[in-house]
PDB file of all heavy atoms in Angstrom:
ATOM      1  N   GLN A   1      97.644 101.218 123.281  1.00  0.00           N
ATOM      2  CA  GLN A   1      99.074 101.492 123.394  1.00  0.00           C
ATOM      3  C   GLN A   1      99.669 101.007 124.754  1.00  0.00           C
ATOM      4  O   GLN A   1     100.942 100.813 124.872  1.00  0.00           O
ATOM      5  CB  GLN A   1      99.371 102.950 123.260  1.00  0.00           C
ATOM      6  CG  GLN A   1      98.931 103.508 121.785  1.00  0.00           C
ATOM      7  CD  GLN A   1      99.980 103.032 120.740  1.00  0.00           C
ATOM      8  OE1 GLN A   1     101.073 102.617 121.015  1.00  0.00           O
ATOM      9  NE2 GLN A   1      99.440 103.006 119.520  1.00  0.00           N
ATOM     10  N   ARG A   2      98.846 100.938 125.767  1.00  0.00           N
ATOM     11  CA  ARG A   2      99.246 100.442 127.030  1.00  0.00           C
ATOM     12  C   ARG A   2      99.143  98.921 127.294  1.00  0.00           C
ATOM     13  O   ARG A   2      99.660  98.432 128.366  1.00  0.00           O
ATOM     14  CB  ARG A   2      98.384 101.145 128.118  1.00  0.00           C
ATOM     15  CG  ARG A   2      98.433 102.672 128.057  1.00  0.00           C
ATOM     16  CD  ARG A   2      97.490 103.312 129.107  1.00  0.00           C
ATOM     17  NE  ARG A   2      97.942 102.931 130.507  1.00  0.00           N
ATOM     18  CZ  ARG A   2      97.258 102.136 131.194  1.00  0.00           C
ATOM     19  NH1 ARG A   2      96.272 101.621 130.901  1.00  0.00           N
ATOM     20  NH2 ARG A   2      97.711 101.942 132.458  1.00  0.00           N
ATOM     21  N   LEU A   3      98.562  98.211 126.265  1.00  0.00           N
ATOM     22  CA  LEU A   3      98.292  96.869 126.511  1.00  0.00           C
ATOM     23  C   LEU A   3      99.385  96.028 125.893  1.00  0.00           C
ATOM     24  O   LEU A   3     100.286  96.448 125.170  1.00  0.00           O
ATOM     25  CB  LEU A   3      96.910  96.385 125.865  1.00  0.00           C
ATOM     26  CG  LEU A   3      95.777  97.237 126.310  1.00  0.00           C
ATOM     27  CD1 LEU A   3      94.586  96.771 125.612  1.00  0.00           C
ATOM     28  CD2 LEU A   3      95.570  96.989 127.901  1.00  0.00           C
ATOM     29  N   GLY A   4      99.266  94.657 126.105  1.00  0.00           N
ATOM     30  CA  GLY A   4     100.362  93.689 125.581  1.00  0.00           C
ATOM     31  C   GLY A   4     100.153  93.826 124.024  1.00  0.00           C
ATOM     32  O   GLY A   4     101.182  93.545 123.336  1.00  0.00           O
ATOM     33  N   GLY A   5      99.013  94.096 123.469  1.00  0.00           N
ATOM     34  CA  GLY A   5      98.891  94.047 122.044  1.00  0.00           C
ATOM     35  C   GLY A   5      99.007  95.509 121.558  1.00  0.00           C
ATOM     36  O   GLY A   5      98.283  95.998 120.854  1.00  0.00           O
ATOM     37  N   THR A   6     100.154  96.173 121.844  1.00  0.00           N
ATOM     38  CA  THR A   6     100.353  97.483 121.386  1.00  0.00           C
ATOM     39  C   THR A   6     100.275  97.552 119.960  1.00  0.00           C
ATOM     40  O   THR A   6     101.002  96.873 119.191  1.00  0.00           O
ATOM     41  CB  THR A   6     101.660  97.967 121.997  1.00  0.00           C
ATOM     42  OG1 THR A   6     101.715  97.921 123.391  1.00  0.00           O
ATOM     43  CG2 THR A   6     101.927  99.429 121.489  1.00  0.00           C
ATOM     44  N   ALA A   7      99.571  98.494 119.421  1.00  0.00           N
ATOM     45  CA  ALA A   7      99.531  98.717 117.988  1.00  0.00           C
ATOM     46  C   ALA A   7     100.707  99.637 117.522  1.00  0.00           C
ATOM     47  O   ALA A   7     100.960 100.692 118.023  1.00  0.00           O
ATOM     48  CB  ALA A   7      98.236  99.510 117.604  1.00  0.00           C
ATOM     49  N   VAL A   8     101.465  99.014 116.675  1.00  0.00           N
ATOM     50  CA  VAL A   8     102.806  99.698 116.254  1.00  0.00           C
ATOM     51  C   VAL A   8     102.555 100.163 114.794  1.00  0.00           C
ATOM     52  O   VAL A   8     102.026  99.535 113.982  1.00  0.00           O
ATOM     53  CB  VAL A   8     103.966  98.701 116.344  1.00  0.00           C
ATOM     54  CG1 VAL A   8     105.184  99.367 115.658  1.00  0.00           C
ATOM     55  CG2 VAL A   8     104.214  98.247 117.608  1.00  0.00           C
ATOM     56  N   ASP A   9     102.866 101.463 114.461  1.00  0.00           N
ATOM     57  CA  ASP A   9     102.778 101.979 113.167  1.00  0.00           C
ATOM     58  C   ASP A   9     103.810 101.317 112.247  1.00  0.00           C
ATOM     59  O   ASP A   9     105.029 101.410 112.435  1.00  0.00           O
ATOM     60  CB  ASP A   9     102.949 103.454 113.223  1.00  0.00           C
ATOM     61  CG  ASP A   9     102.866 104.129 111.832  1.00  0.00           C
ATOM     62  OD1 ASP A   9     102.564 103.469 110.852  1.00  0.00           O
ATOM     63  OD2 ASP A   9     103.159 105.359 111.843  1.00  0.00           O
ATOM     64  N   PHE A  10     103.305 100.477 111.316  1.00  0.00           N
ATOM     65  CA  PHE A  10     104.184  99.741 110.509  1.00  0.00           C
ATOM     66  C   PHE A  10     105.234 100.664 109.696  1.00  0.00           C
ATOM     67  O   PHE A  10     106.362 100.223 109.593  1.00  0.00           O
ATOM     68  CB  PHE A  10     103.348  98.977 109.529  1.00  0.00           C
ATOM     69  CG  PHE A  10     104.194  97.977 108.595  1.00  0.00           C
ATOM     70  CD1 PHE A  10     104.547  96.866 109.052  1.00  0.00           C
ATOM     71  CD2 PHE A  10     104.424  98.416 107.300  1.00  0.00           C
ATOM     72  CE1 PHE A  10     105.297  95.893 108.224  1.00  0.00           C
ATOM     73  CE2 PHE A  10     105.153  97.584 106.440  1.00  0.00           C
ATOM     74  CZ  PHE A  10     105.606  96.358 106.891  1.00  0.00           C
ATOM     75  N   MET A  11     104.606 101.700 109.188  1.00  0.00           N
ATOM     76  CA  MET A  11     105.546 102.664 108.423  1.00  0.00           C
ATOM     77  C   MET A  11     106.601 103.352 109.233  1.00  0.00           C
ATOM     78  O   MET A  11     107.465 103.852 108.609  1.00  0.00           O
ATOM     79  CB  MET A  11     104.685 103.635 107.666  1.00  0.00           C
ATOM     80  CG  MET A  11     103.638 103.006 106.693  1.00  0.00           C
ATOM     81  SD  MET A  11     104.507 101.904 105.420  1.00  0.00           S
ATOM     82  CE  MET A  11     105.535 103.239 104.660  1.00  0.00           C
ATOM     83  N   SER A  12     106.412 103.381 110.597  1.00  0.00           N
ATOM     84  CA  SER A  12     107.489 103.960 111.257  1.00  0.00           C
ATOM     85  C   SER A  12     108.629 103.073 111.552  1.00  0.00           C
ATOM     86  O   SER A  12     109.705 103.424 112.101  1.00  0.00           O
ATOM     87  CB  SER A  12     106.878 104.369 112.723  1.00  0.00           C
ATOM     88  OG  SER A  12     106.622 103.194 113.556  1.00  0.00           O
ATOM     89  N   LEU A  13     108.547 101.700 111.232  1.00  0.00           N
ATOM     90  CA  LEU A  13     109.641 100.747 111.393  1.00  0.00           C
ATOM     91  C   LEU A  13     110.739 101.008 110.380  1.00  0.00           C
ATOM     92  O   LEU A  13     110.382 101.425 109.283  1.00  0.00           O
ATOM     93  CB  LEU A  13     109.169  99.373 111.375  1.00  0.00           C
ATOM     94  CG  LEU A  13     108.117  98.944 112.343  1.00  0.00           C
ATOM     95  CD1 LEU A  13     107.488  97.615 112.048  1.00  0.00           C
ATOM     96  CD2 LEU A  13     108.573  98.922 113.767  1.00  0.00           C
ATOM     97  N   PRO A  14     111.968 100.568 110.787  1.00  0.00           N
ATOM     98  CA  PRO A  14     113.006 100.738 109.644  1.00  0.00           C
ATOM     99  C   PRO A  14     112.665  99.847 108.505  1.00  0.00           C
ATOM    100  O   PRO A  14     112.006  98.850 108.446  1.00  0.00           O
ATOM    101  CB  PRO A  14     114.243 100.013 110.419  1.00  0.00           C
ATOM    102  CG  PRO A  14     113.937 100.224 111.845  1.00  0.00           C
ATOM    103  CD  PRO A  14     112.438 100.079 112.027  1.00  0.00           C
ATOM    104  N   LEU A  15     113.186 100.355 107.346  1.00  0.00           N
ATOM    105  CA  LEU A  15     112.938  99.731 106.073  1.00  0.00           C
ATOM    106  C   LEU A  15     113.259  98.195 105.969  1.00  0.00           C
ATOM    107  O   LEU A  15     112.441  97.385 105.525  1.00  0.00           O
ATOM    108  CB  LEU A  15     113.620 100.403 104.821  1.00  0.00           C
ATOM    109  CG  LEU A  15     113.400  99.846 103.443  1.00  0.00           C
ATOM    110  CD1 LEU A  15     112.032  99.858 103.026  1.00  0.00           C
ATOM    111  CD2 LEU A  15     114.376 100.610 102.507  1.00  0.00           C
ATOM    112  N   THR A  16     114.416  97.808 106.474  1.00  0.00           N
ATOM    113  CA  THR A  16     114.886  96.425 106.558  1.00  0.00           C
ATOM    114  C   THR A  16     113.855  95.575 107.276  1.00  0.00           C
ATOM    115  O   THR A  16     113.436  94.481 107.074  1.00  0.00           O
ATOM    116  CB  THR A  16     116.230  96.346 107.084  1.00  0.00           C
ATOM    117  OG1 THR A  16     116.292  96.894 108.413  1.00  0.00           O
ATOM    118  CG2 THR A  16     117.220  96.953 106.127  1.00  0.00           C
ATOM    119  N   THR A  17     113.355  96.077 108.423  1.00  0.00           N
ATOM    120  CA  THR A  17     112.458  95.373 109.370  1.00  0.00           C
ATOM    121  C   THR A  17     111.091  95.145 108.568  1.00  0.00           C
ATOM    122  O   THR A  17     110.480  94.105 108.579  1.00  0.00           O
ATOM    123  CB  THR A  17     112.183  96.173 110.670  1.00  0.00           C
ATOM    124  OG1 THR A  17     113.380  96.307 111.282  1.00  0.00           O
ATOM    125  CG2 THR A  17     111.167  95.414 111.544  1.00  0.00           C
ATOM    126  N   ARG A  18     110.665  96.260 107.840  1.00  0.00           N
ATOM    127  CA  ARG A  18     109.405  96.147 107.105  1.00  0.00           C
ATOM    128  C   ARG A  18     109.430  95.195 105.966  1.00  0.00           C
ATOM    129  O   ARG A  18     108.568  94.300 105.769  1.00  0.00           O
ATOM    130  CB  ARG A  18     109.016  97.538 106.469  1.00  0.00           C
ATOM    131  CG  ARG A  18     108.426  98.556 107.465  1.00  0.00           C
ATOM    132  CD  ARG A  18     108.058  99.824 106.851  1.00  0.00           C
ATOM    133  NE  ARG A  18     109.046 100.595 106.721  1.00  0.00           N
ATOM    134  CZ  ARG A  18     109.285 101.724 105.761  1.00  0.00           C
ATOM    135  NH1 ARG A  18     108.332 101.739 104.906  1.00  0.00           N
ATOM    136  NH2 ARG A  18     110.319 102.439 105.697  1.00  0.00           N
ATOM    137  N   VAL A  19     110.668  95.113 105.267  1.00  0.00           N
ATOM    138  CA  VAL A  19     110.768  94.115 104.215  1.00  0.00           C
ATOM    139  C   VAL A  19     110.811  92.689 104.820  1.00  0.00           C
ATOM    140  O   VAL A  19     110.274  91.792 104.192  1.00  0.00           O
ATOM    141  CB  VAL A  19     112.075  94.377 103.435  1.00  0.00           C
ATOM    142  CG1 VAL A  19     112.427  93.240 102.505  1.00  0.00           C
ATOM    143  CG2 VAL A  19     112.059  95.735 102.687  1.00  0.00           C
ATOM    144  N   ARG A  20     111.444  92.515 105.930  1.00  0.00           N
ATOM    145  CA  ARG A  20     111.497  91.262 106.426  1.00  0.00           C
ATOM    146  C   ARG A  20     110.196  90.622 106.991  1.00  0.00           C
ATOM    147  O   ARG A  20     109.783  89.554 106.656  1.00  0.00           O
ATOM    148  CB  ARG A  20     112.520  91.240 107.710  1.00  0.00           C
ATOM    149  CG  ARG A  20     112.532  89.879 108.432  1.00  0.00           C
ATOM    150  CD  ARG A  20     113.625  89.893 109.564  1.00  0.00           C
ATOM    151  NE  ARG A  20     113.434  90.987 110.473  1.00  0.00           N
ATOM    152  CZ  ARG A  20     112.631  90.983 111.503  1.00  0.00           C
ATOM    153  NH1 ARG A  20     111.796  90.053 111.637  1.00  0.00           N
ATOM    154  NH2 ARG A  20     112.579  92.165 112.212  1.00  0.00           N
ATOM    155  N   LEU A  21     109.335  91.633 107.637  1.00  0.00           N
ATOM    156  CA  LEU A  21     108.152  91.245 108.077  1.00  0.00           C
ATOM    157  C   LEU A  21     107.102  91.062 106.835  1.00  0.00           C
ATOM    158  O   LEU A  21     106.295  89.984 106.913  1.00  0.00           O
ATOM    159  CB  LEU A  21     107.436  92.398 108.883  1.00  0.00           C
ATOM    160  CG  LEU A  21     108.209  92.587 110.297  1.00  0.00           C
ATOM    161  CD1 LEU A  21     107.666  93.876 111.019  1.00  0.00           C
ATOM    162  CD2 LEU A  21     107.983  91.295 111.188  1.00  0.00           C
ATOM    163  N   ASP A  22     107.254  91.867 105.839  1.00  0.00           N
ATOM    164  CA  ASP A  22     106.394  91.600 104.754  1.00  0.00           C
ATOM    165  C   ASP A  22     106.670  90.261 104.038  1.00  0.00           C
ATOM    166  O   ASP A  22     105.828  89.510 103.614  1.00  0.00           O
ATOM    167  CB  ASP A  22     106.581  92.753 103.677  1.00  0.00           C
ATOM    168  CG  ASP A  22     105.663  93.968 103.962  1.00  0.00           C
ATOM    169  OD1 ASP A  22     104.636  93.742 104.736  1.00  0.00           O
ATOM    170  OD2 ASP A  22     105.992  95.062 103.528  1.00  0.00           O
ATOM    171  N   ALA A  23     107.932  89.908 103.921  1.00  0.00           N
ATOM    172  CA  ALA A  23     108.366  88.663 103.318  1.00  0.00           C
ATOM    173  C   ALA A  23     107.839  87.462 104.134  1.00  0.00           C
ATOM    174  O   ALA A  23     107.343  86.471 103.565  1.00  0.00           O
ATOM    175  CB  ALA A  23     109.817  88.532 103.246  1.00  0.00           C
ATOM    176  N   THR A  24     107.976  87.554 105.468  1.00  0.00           N
ATOM    177  CA  THR A  24     107.547  86.498 106.295  1.00  0.00           C
ATOM    178  C   THR A  24     106.025  86.320 106.215  1.00  0.00           C
ATOM    179  O   THR A  24     105.538  85.230 106.115  1.00  0.00           O
ATOM    180  CB  THR A  24     107.934  86.705 107.794  1.00  0.00           C
ATOM    181  OG1 THR A  24     109.284  86.932 107.857  1.00  0.00           O
ATOM    182  CG2 THR A  24     107.359  85.667 108.675  1.00  0.00           C
ATOM    183  N   ALA A  25     105.297  87.469 106.172  1.00  0.00           N
ATOM    184  CA  ALA A  25     103.772  87.404 106.146  1.00  0.00           C
ATOM    185  C   ALA A  25     103.397  86.843 104.745  1.00  0.00           C
ATOM    186  O   ALA A  25     102.487  86.043 104.603  1.00  0.00           O
ATOM    187  CB  ALA A  25     103.148  88.732 106.329  1.00  0.00           C
ATOM    188  N   THR A  26     104.051  87.259 103.658  1.00  0.00           N
ATOM    189  CA  THR A  26     103.718  86.858 102.314  1.00  0.00           C
ATOM    190  C   THR A  26     103.801  85.339 102.193  1.00  0.00           C
ATOM    191  O   THR A  26     103.005  84.668 101.698  1.00  0.00           O
ATOM    192  CB  THR A  26     104.494  87.496 101.194  1.00  0.00           C
ATOM    193  OG1 THR A  26     104.421  88.879 101.366  1.00  0.00           O
ATOM    194  CG2 THR A  26     104.296  86.963  99.921  1.00  0.00           C
ATOM    195  N   TRP A  27     104.910  84.790 102.662  1.00  0.00           N
ATOM    196  CA  TRP A  27     105.119  83.297 102.686  1.00  0.00           C
ATOM    197  C   TRP A  27     104.072  82.568 103.474  1.00  0.00           C
ATOM    198  O   TRP A  27     103.462  81.626 103.159  1.00  0.00           O
ATOM    199  CB  TRP A  27     106.496  82.991 103.297  1.00  0.00           C
ATOM    200  CG  TRP A  27     106.746  81.532 103.423  1.00  0.00           C
ATOM    201  CD1 TRP A  27     106.891  80.765 104.657  1.00  0.00           C
ATOM    202  CD2 TRP A  27     106.664  80.499 102.507  1.00  0.00           C
ATOM    203  NE1 TRP A  27     107.031  79.437 104.386  1.00  0.00           N
ATOM    204  CE2 TRP A  27     106.962  79.219 103.103  1.00  0.00           C
ATOM    205  CE3 TRP A  27     106.499  80.446 101.010  1.00  0.00           C
ATOM    206  CZ2 TRP A  27     106.929  78.029 102.262  1.00  0.00           C
ATOM    207  CZ3 TRP A  27     106.509  79.213 100.393  1.00  0.00           C
ATOM    208  CH2 TRP A  27     106.771  78.156 100.956  1.00  0.00           C
ATOM    209  N   ARG A  28     103.717  83.187 104.620  1.00  0.00           N
ATOM    210  CA  ARG A  28     102.644  82.508 105.525  1.00  0.00           C
ATOM    211  C   ARG A  28     101.246  82.552 104.787  1.00  0.00           C
ATOM    212  O   ARG A  28     100.584  81.566 104.855  1.00  0.00           O
ATOM    213  CB  ARG A  28     102.529  83.197 106.865  1.00  0.00           C
ATOM    214  CG  ARG A  28     101.725  82.426 107.854  1.00  0.00           C
ATOM    215  CD  ARG A  28     101.914  83.068 109.179  1.00  0.00           C
ATOM    216  NE  ARG A  28     101.663  84.376 109.414  1.00  0.00           N
ATOM    217  CZ  ARG A  28     102.682  85.260 109.849  1.00  0.00           C
ATOM    218  NH1 ARG A  28     103.882  84.770 110.172  1.00  0.00           N
ATOM    219  NH2 ARG A  28     102.285  86.557 110.022  1.00  0.00           N
ATOM    220  N   TYR A  29     100.987  83.639 104.227  1.00  0.00           N
ATOM    221  CA  TYR A  29      99.693  83.774 103.497  1.00  0.00           C
ATOM    222  C   TYR A  29      99.713  82.701 102.322  1.00  0.00           C
ATOM    223  O   TYR A  29      98.685  82.022 102.063  1.00  0.00           O
ATOM    224  CB  TYR A  29      99.408  85.096 102.939  1.00  0.00           C
ATOM    225  CG  TYR A  29      99.451  86.249 103.958  1.00  0.00           C
ATOM    226  CD1 TYR A  29      99.804  87.594 103.586  1.00  0.00           C
ATOM    227  CD2 TYR A  29      99.077  86.085 105.235  1.00  0.00           C
ATOM    228  CE1 TYR A  29      99.890  88.562 104.549  1.00  0.00           C
ATOM    229  CE2 TYR A  29      99.117  87.013 106.115  1.00  0.00           C
ATOM    230  CZ  TYR A  29      99.537  88.390 105.842  1.00  0.00           C
ATOM    231  OH  TYR A  29      99.642  89.288 106.749  1.00  0.00           O
ATOM    232  N   LEU A  30     100.656  82.664 101.558  1.00  0.00           N
ATOM    233  CA  LEU A  30     100.692  81.762 100.395  1.00  0.00           C
ATOM    234  C   LEU A  30     100.604  80.288 100.818  1.00  0.00           C
ATOM    235  O   LEU A  30      99.782  79.516 100.289  1.00  0.00           O
ATOM    236  CB  LEU A  30     102.046  81.954  99.572  1.00  0.00           C
ATOM    237  CG  LEU A  30     102.286  83.174  98.662  1.00  0.00           C
ATOM    238  CD1 LEU A  30     103.580  83.197  98.203  1.00  0.00           C
ATOM    239  CD2 LEU A  30     101.277  82.934  97.473  1.00  0.00           C
ATOM    240  N   ARG A  31     101.248  79.929 101.915  1.00  0.00           N
ATOM    241  CA  ARG A  31     101.309  78.629 102.422  1.00  0.00           C
ATOM    242  C   ARG A  31      99.911  78.165 103.008  1.00  0.00           C
ATOM    243  O   ARG A  31      99.460  77.123 102.764  1.00  0.00           O
ATOM    244  CB  ARG A  31     102.357  78.395 103.456  1.00  0.00           C
ATOM    245  CG  ARG A  31     102.517  76.923 103.959  1.00  0.00           C
ATOM    246  CD  ARG A  31     103.636  76.827 104.923  1.00  0.00           C
ATOM    247  NE  ARG A  31     103.464  77.727 106.087  1.00  0.00           N
ATOM    248  CZ  ARG A  31     104.346  77.992 107.017  1.00  0.00           C
ATOM    249  NH1 ARG A  31     105.604  77.484 107.010  1.00  0.00           N
ATOM    250  NH2 ARG A  31     104.032  78.867 108.020  1.00  0.00           N
ATOM    251  N   SER A  32      99.253  79.099 103.752  1.00  0.00           N
ATOM    252  CA  SER A  32      98.036  78.744 104.384  1.00  0.00           C
ATOM    253  C   SER A  32      96.700  78.980 103.480  1.00  0.00           C
ATOM    254  O   SER A  32      95.834  78.157 103.643  1.00  0.00           O
ATOM    255  CB  SER A  32      97.878  79.654 105.695  1.00  0.00           C
ATOM    256  OG  SER A  32      97.770  80.919 105.469  1.00  0.00           O
ATOM    257  N   SER A  33      96.726  80.023 102.649  1.00  0.00           N
ATOM    258  CA  SER A  33      95.549  80.418 102.080  1.00  0.00           C
ATOM    259  C   SER A  33      95.622  80.680 100.520  1.00  0.00           C
ATOM    260  O   SER A  33      94.624  80.900  99.892  1.00  0.00           O
ATOM    261  CB  SER A  33      94.951  81.633 102.659  1.00  0.00           C
ATOM    262  OG  SER A  33      94.829  81.457 103.971  1.00  0.00           O
ATOM    263  N   GLY A  34      96.821  80.731 100.021  1.00  0.00           N
ATOM    264  CA  GLY A  34      97.011  80.883  98.534  1.00  0.00           C
ATOM    265  C   GLY A  34      97.200  82.275  98.075  1.00  0.00           C
ATOM    266  O   GLY A  34      97.250  83.271  98.844  1.00  0.00           O
ATOM    267  N   PRO A  35      97.442  82.505  96.819  1.00  0.00           N
ATOM    268  CA  PRO A  35      97.738  83.811  96.299  1.00  0.00           C
ATOM    269  C   PRO A  35      96.733  84.778  96.600  1.00  0.00           C
ATOM    270  O   PRO A  35      97.002  86.025  96.674  1.00  0.00           O
ATOM    271  CB  PRO A  35      97.924  83.640  94.755  1.00  0.00           C
ATOM    272  CG  PRO A  35      98.081  82.148  94.590  1.00  0.00           C
ATOM    273  CD  PRO A  35      97.429  81.406  95.815  1.00  0.00           C
ATOM    274  N   ARG A  36      95.425  84.479  96.630  1.00  0.00           N
ATOM    275  CA  ARG A  36      94.356  85.429  96.815  1.00  0.00           C
ATOM    276  C   ARG A  36      94.576  86.128  98.112  1.00  0.00           C
ATOM    277  O   ARG A  36      94.244  87.309  98.246  1.00  0.00           O
ATOM    278  CB  ARG A  36      93.019  84.751  96.856  1.00  0.00           C
ATOM    279  CG  ARG A  36      91.791  85.681  96.935  1.00  0.00           C
ATOM    280  CD  ARG A  36      91.769  86.632  95.799  1.00  0.00           C
ATOM    281  NE  ARG A  36      90.820  87.792  96.044  1.00  0.00           N
ATOM    282  CZ  ARG A  36      90.734  88.686  95.317  1.00  0.00           C
ATOM    283  NH1 ARG A  36      91.264  88.784  94.142  1.00  0.00           N
ATOM    284  NH2 ARG A  36      89.873  89.760  95.616  1.00  0.00           N
ATOM    285  N   ALA A  37      94.975  85.470  99.229  1.00  0.00           N
ATOM    286  CA  ALA A  37      95.175  86.049 100.538  1.00  0.00           C
ATOM    287  C   ALA A  37      96.310  87.149 100.354  1.00  0.00           C
ATOM    288  O   ALA A  37      96.191  88.205 101.094  1.00  0.00           O
ATOM    289  CB  ALA A  37      95.598  85.018 101.506  1.00  0.00           C
ATOM    290  N   VAL A  38      97.317  86.981  99.552  1.00  0.00           N
ATOM    291  CA  VAL A  38      98.364  87.906  99.453  1.00  0.00           C
ATOM    292  C   VAL A  38      97.805  89.113  98.720  1.00  0.00           C
ATOM    293  O   VAL A  38      98.012  90.357  99.216  1.00  0.00           O
ATOM    294  CB  VAL A  38      99.479  87.417  98.564  1.00  0.00           C
ATOM    295  CG1 VAL A  38     100.547  88.486  98.450  1.00  0.00           C
ATOM    296  CG2 VAL A  38     100.153  86.205  99.285  1.00  0.00           C
ATOM    297  N   ILE A  39      96.920  88.978  97.709  1.00  0.00           N
ATOM    298  CA  ILE A  39      96.363  90.127  97.093  1.00  0.00           C
ATOM    299  C   ILE A  39      95.438  90.959  97.952  1.00  0.00           C
ATOM    300  O   ILE A  39      95.454  92.225  97.964  1.00  0.00           O
ATOM    301  CB  ILE A  39      95.531  89.650  95.809  1.00  0.00           C
ATOM    302  CG1 ILE A  39      96.464  88.975  94.835  1.00  0.00           C
ATOM    303  CG2 ILE A  39      94.835  90.643  95.240  1.00  0.00           C
ATOM    304  CD1 ILE A  39      95.825  88.252  93.617  1.00  0.00           C
ATOM    305  N   ASP A  40      94.619  90.188  98.744  1.00  0.00           N
ATOM    306  CA  ASP A  40      93.695  90.856  99.670  1.00  0.00           C
ATOM    307  C   ASP A  40      94.499  91.737 100.820  1.00  0.00           C
ATOM    308  O   ASP A  40      94.193  92.831 101.053  1.00  0.00           O
ATOM    309  CB  ASP A  40      92.898  89.779 100.468  1.00  0.00           C
ATOM    310  CG  ASP A  40      91.825  89.127  99.562  1.00  0.00           C
ATOM    311  OD1 ASP A  40      91.540  89.728  98.539  1.00  0.00           O
ATOM    312  OD2 ASP A  40      91.214  88.090 100.026  1.00  0.00           O
ATOM    313  N   LYS A  41      95.591  91.101 101.220  1.00  0.00           N
ATOM    314  CA  LYS A  41      96.331  91.874 102.256  1.00  0.00           C
ATOM    315  C   LYS A  41      97.043  93.022 101.672  1.00  0.00           C
ATOM    316  O   LYS A  41      97.094  94.173 102.156  1.00  0.00           O
ATOM    317  CB  LYS A  41      97.392  90.907 102.825  1.00  0.00           C
ATOM    318  CG  LYS A  41      98.013  91.562 104.087  1.00  0.00           C
ATOM    319  CD  LYS A  41      97.015  91.605 105.096  1.00  0.00           C
ATOM    320  CE  LYS A  41      97.700  91.969 106.462  1.00  0.00           C
ATOM    321  NZ  LYS A  41      96.682  91.985 107.596  1.00  0.00           N
ATOM    322  N   ILE A  42      97.569  92.995 100.369  1.00  0.00           N
ATOM    323  CA  ILE A  42      98.142  94.190  99.776  1.00  0.00           C
ATOM    324  C   ILE A  42      97.020  95.267  99.534  1.00  0.00           C
ATOM    325  O   ILE A  42      97.347  96.414  99.887  1.00  0.00           O
ATOM    326  CB  ILE A  42      98.699  93.776  98.311  1.00  0.00           C
ATOM    327  CG1 ILE A  42      99.938  92.877  98.591  1.00  0.00           C
ATOM    328  CG2 ILE A  42      99.015  95.026  97.547  1.00  0.00           C
ATOM    329  CD1 ILE A  42     100.405  92.285  97.281  1.00  0.00           C
ATOM    330  N   HIS A  43      95.791  94.896  99.136  1.00  0.00           N
ATOM    331  CA  HIS A  43      94.798  95.915  98.934  1.00  0.00           C
ATOM    332  C   HIS A  43      94.472  96.549 100.396  1.00  0.00           C
ATOM    333  O   HIS A  43      94.133  97.764 100.403  1.00  0.00           O
ATOM    334  CB  HIS A  43      93.532  95.284  98.456  1.00  0.00           C
ATOM    335  CG  HIS A  43      93.669  94.808  97.001  1.00  0.00           C
ATOM    336  ND1 HIS A  43      92.764  94.119  96.363  1.00  0.00           N
ATOM    337  CD2 HIS A  43      94.522  95.213  96.049  1.00  0.00           C
ATOM    338  CE1 HIS A  43      93.149  93.897  95.152  1.00  0.00           C
ATOM    339  NE2 HIS A  43      94.203  94.589  94.792  1.00  0.00           N
ATOM    340  N   TRP A  44      94.526  95.656 101.402  1.00  0.00           N
ATOM    341  CA  TRP A  44      94.143  96.299 102.725  1.00  0.00           C
ATOM    342  C   TRP A  44      95.334  97.305 103.228  1.00  0.00           C
ATOM    343  O   TRP A  44      94.905  98.303 103.727  1.00  0.00           O
ATOM    344  CB  TRP A  44      94.051  95.141 103.623  1.00  0.00           C
ATOM    345  CG  TRP A  44      93.826  95.582 105.138  1.00  0.00           C
ATOM    346  CD1 TRP A  44      92.718  95.999 105.686  1.00  0.00           C
ATOM    347  CD2 TRP A  44      94.731  95.443 106.280  1.00  0.00           C
ATOM    348  NE1 TRP A  44      92.773  96.273 107.029  1.00  0.00           N
ATOM    349  CE2 TRP A  44      94.149  95.932 107.385  1.00  0.00           C
ATOM    350  CE3 TRP A  44      96.062  94.952 106.316  1.00  0.00           C
ATOM    351  CZ2 TRP A  44      94.771  95.942 108.532  1.00  0.00           C
ATOM    352  CZ3 TRP A  44      96.713  95.127 107.561  1.00  0.00           C
ATOM    353  CH2 TRP A  44      96.008  95.547 108.673  1.00  0.00           C
ATOM    354  N   ARG A  45      96.527  96.953 102.956  1.00  0.00           N
ATOM    355  CA  ARG A  45      97.598  97.878 103.327  1.00  0.00           C
ATOM    356  C   ARG A  45      97.624  99.166 102.581  1.00  0.00           C
ATOM    357  O   ARG A  45      97.730 100.226 103.062  1.00  0.00           O
ATOM    358  CB  ARG A  45      98.886  97.157 103.133  1.00  0.00           C
ATOM    359  CG  ARG A  45      99.319  96.202 104.163  1.00  0.00           C
ATOM    360  CD  ARG A  45     100.104  96.977 105.211  1.00  0.00           C
ATOM    361  NE  ARG A  45     100.398  96.046 106.442  1.00  0.00           N
ATOM    362  CZ  ARG A  45     101.306  95.226 106.626  1.00  0.00           C
ATOM    363  NH1 ARG A  45     102.067  94.923 105.529  1.00  0.00           N
ATOM    364  NH2 ARG A  45     101.424  94.562 107.692  1.00  0.00           N
TER     365      ARG A  45
END
């Protein structure tokens, strides 16, 4: 929490921010690694 890589609780962010971040990540996973990466990330979350 004191470092540059502060871990932020995703669920504490505003809903609009969470949707935007999820959409950006989904597009990045699809482009770089395909649909399987999106499924793996959903399972992890």
